[in-house]
Amino acid sequence: MVQVVIKRNQALIFALATVVWHLPGASAAQSYPVKPVRYVVPFPAAGSPDIVARQISERLGRMWGQQVVVDNRAGAGGTLGAAIAAKAPADGYTLFQCNIASSAIAESLYATMPYNHQRDFAPISLIGKTPNVLVVHPSMPSRTITEFIAYAKANPGKLSYGTSASGSSQQLAMEFFKLAAKIDVVQVPYKGAPQALADLIGGQIPVSVQSAPAVLPVIQSGRVRALAVTSLMRISQLPAVPTVHETALPGFEVSSWYGLCAPAGTPAAILDKVHADLTAVLRLPELEQRFRDMVIEVAPTSREEFAQFIRAETARWARVISEAGIPQQ
């Protein structure tokens, strides 16, 4: 009798294992990937997002024994590439490097959107964060962020700041700062951050908010003056430059960020595998050092933590866009 029960239990276990093995997601994950994987980056080649993607894709490719091909689809503030990735088959062979612009800001900035990030994407993990830096032309009398706030309050509407096109993370960082500091500084939009930085160096504009990797060389050369970084902690490349948080506005923090997502509906087993392998890649000492040199703080998360992070960022920037009166495009 005991032997009969044991045999029946063994048969049941075998049957259940067979069912699990043949589930589409589980079986796909066992062998994934069996062909090249497309890694969509919604920004041009050679910029920081592209460099991040190529560092990751090269190492994932070696780990998987398959090519991970970076596909640059720039345009419309990152939404063009996001729309392409959102419509791709949900089979794990298209990954999307999500970011603050296309995954959090765009929803409130654009009147019509070709995708809904919450509905159309499955978050995998945060990759890392990079702070912005508030910089001024050396002719500006302000030498600290508190002096700058006082100067702006004494001259409402007379100062201008340059950023890349409306809706960039740098513009939103400055608008958030203006709301928190209760100052009036007028935006001058440029086609890109490099053009705004060039005019700041030339003295055509007095103020700009720039990403730390882009502005670091001109700060170190003395062509512009850094007043504060927007992360909660100082960065090692600018140890003498304080944070907005520690000097003027406690709790203030704005960072651009990169993450990895996949089209919604991608099997959970594949998402779990990509998450585990991405986390392993991000923990490689040489990659952490490469990103540290680019002023990027590596910060992998769980899938759910990243989903919560994106929801919080989306709500935050919706509030800033509304309170700052930034018109929809």
Protein backbone atom coordinates (compact mmCIF):
# COMPACT_ATOMS: atom_id res chain seq x y z
CA MET A 1 0.00 0.00 0.00
CA VAL A 2 2.84 2.39 0.95
CA GLN A 3 4.65 1.60 -2.29
CA VAL A 4 1.50 2.41 -4.30
CA VAL A 5 1.18 5.81 -2.59
CA ILE A 6 4.87 6.58 -3.20
CA LYS A 7 4.56 5.68 -6.88
CA ARG A 8 1.45 7.82 -7.21
CA ASN A 9 3.25 10.77 -5.56
CA GLN A 10 6.26 10.32 -7.81
CA ALA A 11 3.99 10.25 -10.86
CA LEU A 12 2.24 13.42 -9.67
CA ILE A 13 5.55 15.23 -9.09
CA PHE A 14 6.78 14.19 -12.54
CA ALA A 15 3.54 15.36 -14.14
CA LEU A 16 3.71 18.74 -12.40
CA ALA A 17 7.35 19.20 -13.37
CA THR A 18 6.47 18.40 -16.97
CA VAL A 19 3.68 21.00 -16.94
CA VAL A 20 5.98 23.68 -15.46
CA TRP A 21 8.73 22.87 -17.95
CA HIS A 22 6.32 23.34 -20.83
CA LEU A 23 4.90 26.65 -19.62
CA PRO A 24 5.81 29.24 -22.31
CA GLY A 25 7.64 31.59 -19.94
CA ALA A 26 9.53 28.90 -18.06
CA SER A 27 10.72 27.01 -21.12
CA ALA A 28 11.69 30.24 -22.90
CA ALA A 29 13.76 31.36 -19.93
CA GLN A 30 15.66 28.05 -19.80
CA SER A 31 17.33 28.73 -23.14
CA TYR A 32 17.04 32.55 -23.39
CA PRO A 33 18.50 34.10 -25.41
CA VAL A 34 18.82 31.93 -28.50
CA LYS A 35 19.27 34.84 -30.92
CA PRO A 36 20.50 38.46 -30.84
CA VAL A 37 18.75 40.86 -28.46
CA ARG A 38 17.89 44.43 -29.46
CA TYR A 39 18.69 47.12 -26.86
CA VAL A 40 16.79 50.30 -27.76
CA VAL A 41 18.34 53.60 -26.65
CA PRO A 42 16.10 56.63 -27.29
CA PHE A 43 19.04 59.05 -27.67
CA PRO A 44 21.84 59.56 -30.22
CA ALA A 45 25.11 57.65 -30.33
CA ALA A 46 28.11 58.90 -28.34
CA GLY A 47 26.13 60.60 -25.56
CA SER A 48 26.06 59.37 -21.96
CA PRO A 49 22.92 57.18 -22.42
CA ASP A 50 24.54 55.49 -25.42
CA ILE A 51 27.82 54.91 -23.56
CA VAL A 52 25.92 53.36 -20.65
CA ALA A 53 24.01 51.09 -23.03
CA ARG A 54 27.12 49.90 -24.83
CA GLN A 55 28.95 49.11 -21.61
CA ILE A 56 26.01 46.99 -20.44
CA SER A 57 25.17 45.38 -23.79
CA GLU A 58 28.76 44.26 -24.38
CA ARG A 59 28.91 42.47 -21.04
CA LEU A 60 25.44 40.94 -21.30
CA GLY A 61 26.38 39.72 -24.77
CA ARG A 62 29.47 37.96 -23.44
CA MET A 63 27.45 36.44 -20.59
CA TRP A 64 24.70 35.19 -22.92
CA GLY A 65 26.84 34.14 -25.87
CA GLN A 66 24.59 36.25 -28.10
CA GLN A 67 24.88 39.70 -29.60
CA VAL A 68 23.09 42.48 -27.74
CA VAL A 69 22.68 45.14 -30.42
CA VAL A 70 22.31 48.78 -29.39
CA ASP A 71 19.62 50.44 -31.52
CA ASN A 72 19.72 54.25 -31.24
CA ARG A 73 16.27 55.73 -31.94
CA ALA A 74 16.60 59.39 -31.02
CA GLY A 75 13.93 62.06 -31.19
CA ALA A 76 11.02 63.75 -29.42
CA GLY A 77 12.68 63.82 -26.01
CA GLY A 78 13.17 60.06 -25.94
CA THR A 79 9.55 59.24 -26.76
CA LEU A 80 10.28 58.08 -30.32
CA GLY A 81 12.50 55.24 -29.14
CA ALA A 82 10.11 54.44 -26.30
CA ALA A 83 7.19 54.12 -28.72
CA ILE A 84 9.19 51.75 -30.93
CA ALA A 85 10.14 49.57 -27.96
CA ALA A 86 6.59 49.58 -26.57
CA LYS A 87 5.24 48.11 -29.82
CA ALA A 88 7.90 45.38 -30.09
CA PRO A 89 7.01 41.72 -29.48
CA ALA A 90 6.98 40.86 -25.78
CA ASP A 91 9.37 37.95 -26.12
CA GLY A 92 12.48 39.25 -24.36
CA TYR A 93 14.32 40.08 -27.57
CA THR A 94 13.71 43.82 -27.27
CA LEU A 95 14.96 45.67 -24.21
CA PHE A 96 14.53 49.39 -23.64
CA GLN A 97 16.83 51.73 -21.74
CA CYS A 98 14.16 53.73 -19.94
CA ASN A 99 15.00 57.11 -18.47
CA ILE A 100 13.65 60.13 -16.61
CA ALA A 101 12.56 61.94 -19.79
CA SER A 102 10.57 59.30 -21.68
CA SER A 103 9.47 57.27 -18.66
CA ALA A 104 8.50 59.93 -16.11
CA ILE A 105 8.40 63.48 -17.52
CA ALA A 106 6.83 62.88 -20.94
CA GLU A 107 3.46 61.68 -19.65
CA SER A 108 2.63 65.12 -18.26
CA LEU A 109 4.53 67.17 -20.84
CA TYR A 110 2.94 65.95 -24.07
CA ALA A 111 -0.75 66.35 -24.86
CA THR A 112 -0.78 63.09 -26.84
CA MET A 113 1.51 60.14 -26.30
CA PRO A 114 2.17 57.12 -28.56
CA TYR A 115 2.50 54.88 -25.49
CA ASN A 116 1.64 54.70 -21.80
CA HIS A 117 4.68 53.74 -19.78
CA GLN A 118 2.75 52.20 -16.89
CA ARG A 119 0.70 50.06 -19.26
CA ASP A 120 3.17 49.28 -22.03
CA PHE A 121 6.40 48.48 -20.19
CA ALA A 122 7.60 45.95 -17.63
CA PRO A 123 10.30 47.54 -15.41
CA ILE A 124 13.37 45.36 -14.85
CA SER A 125 15.83 47.42 -12.81
CA LEU A 126 17.24 50.85 -12.22
CA ILE A 127 20.75 51.08 -13.68
CA GLY A 128 22.05 54.25 -12.12
CA LYS A 129 21.65 57.95 -11.35
CA THR A 130 23.64 61.03 -12.27
CA PRO A 131 23.19 64.47 -10.69
CA ASN A 132 22.85 67.86 -12.32
CA VAL A 133 24.97 70.88 -11.44
CA LEU A 134 23.77 74.48 -11.19
CA VAL A 135 26.47 76.59 -12.84
CA VAL A 136 26.91 80.30 -13.50
CA HIS A 137 29.16 82.48 -15.64
CA PRO A 138 32.17 83.75 -13.64
CA SER A 139 30.88 87.32 -14.00
CA MET A 140 27.90 86.52 -11.78
CA PRO A 141 28.31 88.01 -8.28
CA SER A 142 26.91 84.86 -6.60
CA ARG A 143 29.57 82.51 -5.27
CA THR A 144 27.26 80.22 -3.31
CA ILE A 145 23.79 78.82 -3.86
CA THR A 146 22.37 80.88 -0.99
CA GLU A 147 23.84 84.04 -2.52
CA PHE A 148 22.31 83.06 -5.85
CA ILE A 149 18.86 82.62 -4.31
CA ALA A 150 19.16 86.01 -2.60
CA TYR A 151 20.29 87.66 -5.84
CA ALA A 152 17.43 86.08 -7.81
CA LYS A 153 14.89 87.22 -5.21
CA ALA A 154 16.26 90.76 -5.43
CA ASN A 155 16.05 90.68 -9.25
CA PRO A 156 12.82 88.75 -10.11
CA GLY A 157 12.49 87.91 -13.79
CA LYS A 158 15.81 89.54 -14.70
CA LEU A 159 17.95 86.40 -14.71
CA SER A 160 17.75 83.77 -17.44
CA TYR A 161 18.91 80.18 -17.49
CA GLY A 162 19.71 77.99 -20.47
CA THR A 163 18.88 74.33 -20.92
CA SER A 164 18.24 71.94 -23.75
CA ALA A 165 14.74 71.90 -25.24
CA SER A 166 11.69 72.30 -23.03
CA GLY A 167 10.89 69.15 -21.10
CA SER A 168 14.48 68.07 -20.52
CA SER A 169 15.42 66.76 -17.12
CA GLN A 170 17.72 69.79 -16.70
CA GLN A 171 14.85 72.21 -17.32
CA LEU A 172 12.62 70.34 -14.89
CA ALA A 173 15.41 70.32 -12.30
CA MET A 174 15.65 74.12 -12.53
CA GLU A 175 11.88 74.57 -12.44
CA PHE A 176 11.74 72.36 -9.34
CA PHE A 177 14.52 74.44 -7.79
CA LYS A 178 12.66 77.67 -8.61
CA LEU A 179 9.51 76.39 -6.93
CA ALA A 180 11.39 75.26 -3.84
CA ALA A 181 13.46 78.46 -3.56
CA LYS A 182 10.54 80.72 -4.56
CA ILE A 183 12.52 82.60 -7.22
CA ASP A 184 11.71 83.81 -10.73
CA VAL A 185 14.35 82.94 -13.36
CA VAL A 186 13.39 82.84 -17.05
CA GLN A 187 14.16 79.80 -19.21
CA VAL A 188 16.00 80.18 -22.53
CA PRO A 189 15.51 76.88 -24.41
CA TYR A 190 18.23 75.59 -26.73
CA LYS A 191 18.27 72.75 -29.23
CA GLY A 192 20.58 70.86 -26.92
CA ALA A 193 22.54 71.12 -23.69
CA PRO A 194 25.90 71.69 -25.48
CA GLN A 195 24.53 74.87 -27.13
CA ALA A 196 23.30 76.17 -23.77
CA LEU A 197 26.67 75.42 -22.21
CA ALA A 198 28.51 77.19 -25.04
CA ASP A 199 26.45 80.34 -24.51
CA LEU A 200 27.02 80.16 -20.76
CA ILE A 201 30.79 79.97 -21.31
CA GLY A 202 30.52 82.88 -23.75
CA GLY A 203 28.54 84.99 -21.30
CA GLN A 204 25.35 85.17 -23.39
CA ILE A 205 23.39 83.64 -20.50
CA PRO A 206 24.31 83.84 -16.80
CA VAL A 207 22.96 80.52 -15.49
CA SER A 208 22.47 76.92 -16.59
CA VAL A 209 21.67 73.51 -15.16
CA GLN A 210 23.77 70.80 -16.78
CA SER A 211 24.32 67.09 -16.24
CA ALA A 212 27.44 66.47 -14.17
CA PRO A 213 29.28 64.38 -16.82
CA ALA A 214 28.79 67.07 -19.47
CA VAL A 215 29.78 70.10 -17.40
CA LEU A 216 32.60 68.64 -15.30
CA PRO A 217 35.48 69.57 -17.67
CA VAL A 218 34.48 73.25 -17.98
CA ILE A 219 34.02 73.55 -14.21
CA GLN A 220 37.48 72.13 -13.63
CA SER A 221 38.95 74.50 -16.22
CA GLY A 222 37.38 77.51 -14.49
CA ARG A 223 35.28 78.59 -17.47
CA VAL A 224 32.09 78.33 -15.39
CA ARG A 225 31.47 78.37 -11.64
CA ALA A 226 29.62 75.51 -9.96
CA LEU A 227 27.30 76.59 -7.15
CA ALA A 228 25.74 73.29 -6.14
CA VAL A 229 25.03 69.72 -7.21
CA THR A 230 21.49 68.36 -7.08
CA SER A 231 22.22 64.97 -5.49
CA LEU A 232 21.86 64.42 -1.76
CA MET A 233 25.58 63.70 -1.42
CA ARG A 234 28.55 65.56 -2.86
CA ILE A 235 30.30 63.92 -5.79
CA SER A 236 33.94 62.86 -5.62
CA GLN A 237 34.87 64.76 -8.80
CA LEU A 238 33.74 68.07 -7.21
CA PRO A 239 34.40 67.58 -3.50
CA ALA A 240 34.36 71.34 -2.76
CA VAL A 241 30.98 71.91 -4.41
CA PRO A 242 28.15 71.48 -1.90
CA THR A 243 24.69 70.07 -2.52
CA VAL A 244 21.52 72.14 -2.66
CA HIS A 245 20.27 69.87 0.13
CA GLU A 246 23.04 70.71 2.60
CA THR A 247 23.25 74.45 1.93
CA ALA A 248 19.88 75.88 0.97
CA LEU A 249 16.94 73.51 0.60
CA PRO A 250 16.97 70.43 2.89
CA GLY A 251 15.68 67.35 1.13
CA PHE A 252 16.14 68.77 -2.37
CA GLU A 253 17.30 66.11 -4.80
CA VAL A 254 17.06 65.73 -8.57
CA SER A 255 18.98 63.13 -10.56
CA SER A 256 18.76 61.99 -14.11
CA TRP A 257 18.53 58.21 -14.24
CA TYR A 258 18.75 55.20 -16.52
CA GLY A 259 16.98 51.88 -16.17
CA LEU A 260 16.09 48.79 -18.14
CA CYS A 261 12.56 47.85 -19.20
CA ALA A 262 10.92 45.39 -21.58
CA PRO A 263 7.61 45.47 -23.44
CA ALA A 264 4.67 44.63 -21.17
CA GLY A 265 3.71 40.97 -21.41
CA THR A 266 7.29 39.71 -21.55
CA PRO A 267 7.29 36.39 -19.62
CA ALA A 268 8.13 36.85 -15.95
CA ALA A 269 10.76 34.12 -16.09
CA ILE A 270 12.65 36.03 -18.80
CA LEU A 271 12.33 39.29 -16.87
CA ASP A 272 13.77 37.54 -13.82
CA LYS A 273 16.71 36.20 -15.83
CA VAL A 274 17.49 39.57 -17.39
CA HIS A 275 17.22 41.18 -13.97
CA ALA A 276 19.62 38.70 -12.37
CA ASP A 277 22.15 38.98 -15.19
CA LEU A 278 21.94 42.78 -15.36
CA THR A 279 22.50 43.00 -11.60
CA ALA A 280 25.57 40.78 -11.92
CA VAL A 281 26.92 42.98 -14.72
CA LEU A 282 26.32 46.18 -12.73
CA ARG A 283 28.27 44.72 -9.81
CA LEU A 284 31.39 44.08 -11.89
CA PRO A 285 34.16 46.24 -10.35
CA GLU A 286 35.43 47.50 -13.71
CA LEU A 287 31.93 48.58 -14.77
CA GLU A 288 31.25 50.30 -11.44
CA GLN A 289 34.53 52.20 -11.87
CA ARG A 290 33.70 53.14 -15.48
CA PHE A 291 30.35 54.53 -14.40
CA ARG A 292 31.91 56.27 -11.40
CA ASP A 293 34.26 58.04 -13.82
CA MET A 294 31.13 59.16 -15.73
CA VAL A 295 29.59 60.48 -12.46
CA ILE A 296 26.95 57.74 -12.52
CA GLU A 297 26.01 56.03 -9.28
CA VAL A 298 25.21 52.38 -9.98
CA ALA A 299 21.95 51.54 -8.22
CA PRO A 300 20.31 48.23 -9.22
CA THR A 301 16.90 47.52 -7.70
CA SER A 302 14.33 44.75 -7.61
CA ARG A 303 11.71 44.78 -10.34
CA GLU A 304 9.01 45.99 -7.94
CA GLU A 305 11.24 48.65 -6.42
CA PHE A 306 11.93 50.02 -9.89
CA ALA A 307 8.21 50.02 -10.75
CA GLN A 308 7.51 51.99 -7.57
CA PHE A 309 10.37 54.38 -8.37
CA ILE A 310 8.96 55.12 -11.83
CA ARG A 311 5.48 55.74 -10.42
CA ALA A 312 6.89 58.14 -7.83
CA GLU A 313 8.98 59.98 -10.43
CA THR A 314 5.99 60.28 -12.78
CA ALA A 315 3.84 61.78 -10.01
CA ARG A 316 6.63 64.10 -8.91
CA TRP A 317 7.24 65.62 -12.34
CA ALA A 318 3.53 65.88 -13.07
CA ARG A 319 3.27 68.04 -9.97
CA VAL A 320 6.27 70.20 -10.97
CA ILE A 321 4.99 70.68 -14.52
CA SER A 322 1.57 71.70 -13.19
CA GLU A 323 2.85 74.04 -10.47
CA ALA A 324 5.43 75.64 -12.76
CA GLY A 325 2.79 76.24 -15.44
CA ILE A 326 4.80 74.49 -18.15
CA PRO A 327 2.47 74.18 -21.18
CA GLN A 328 1.85 70.81 -22.78
CA GLN A 329 3.43 70.31 -26.17
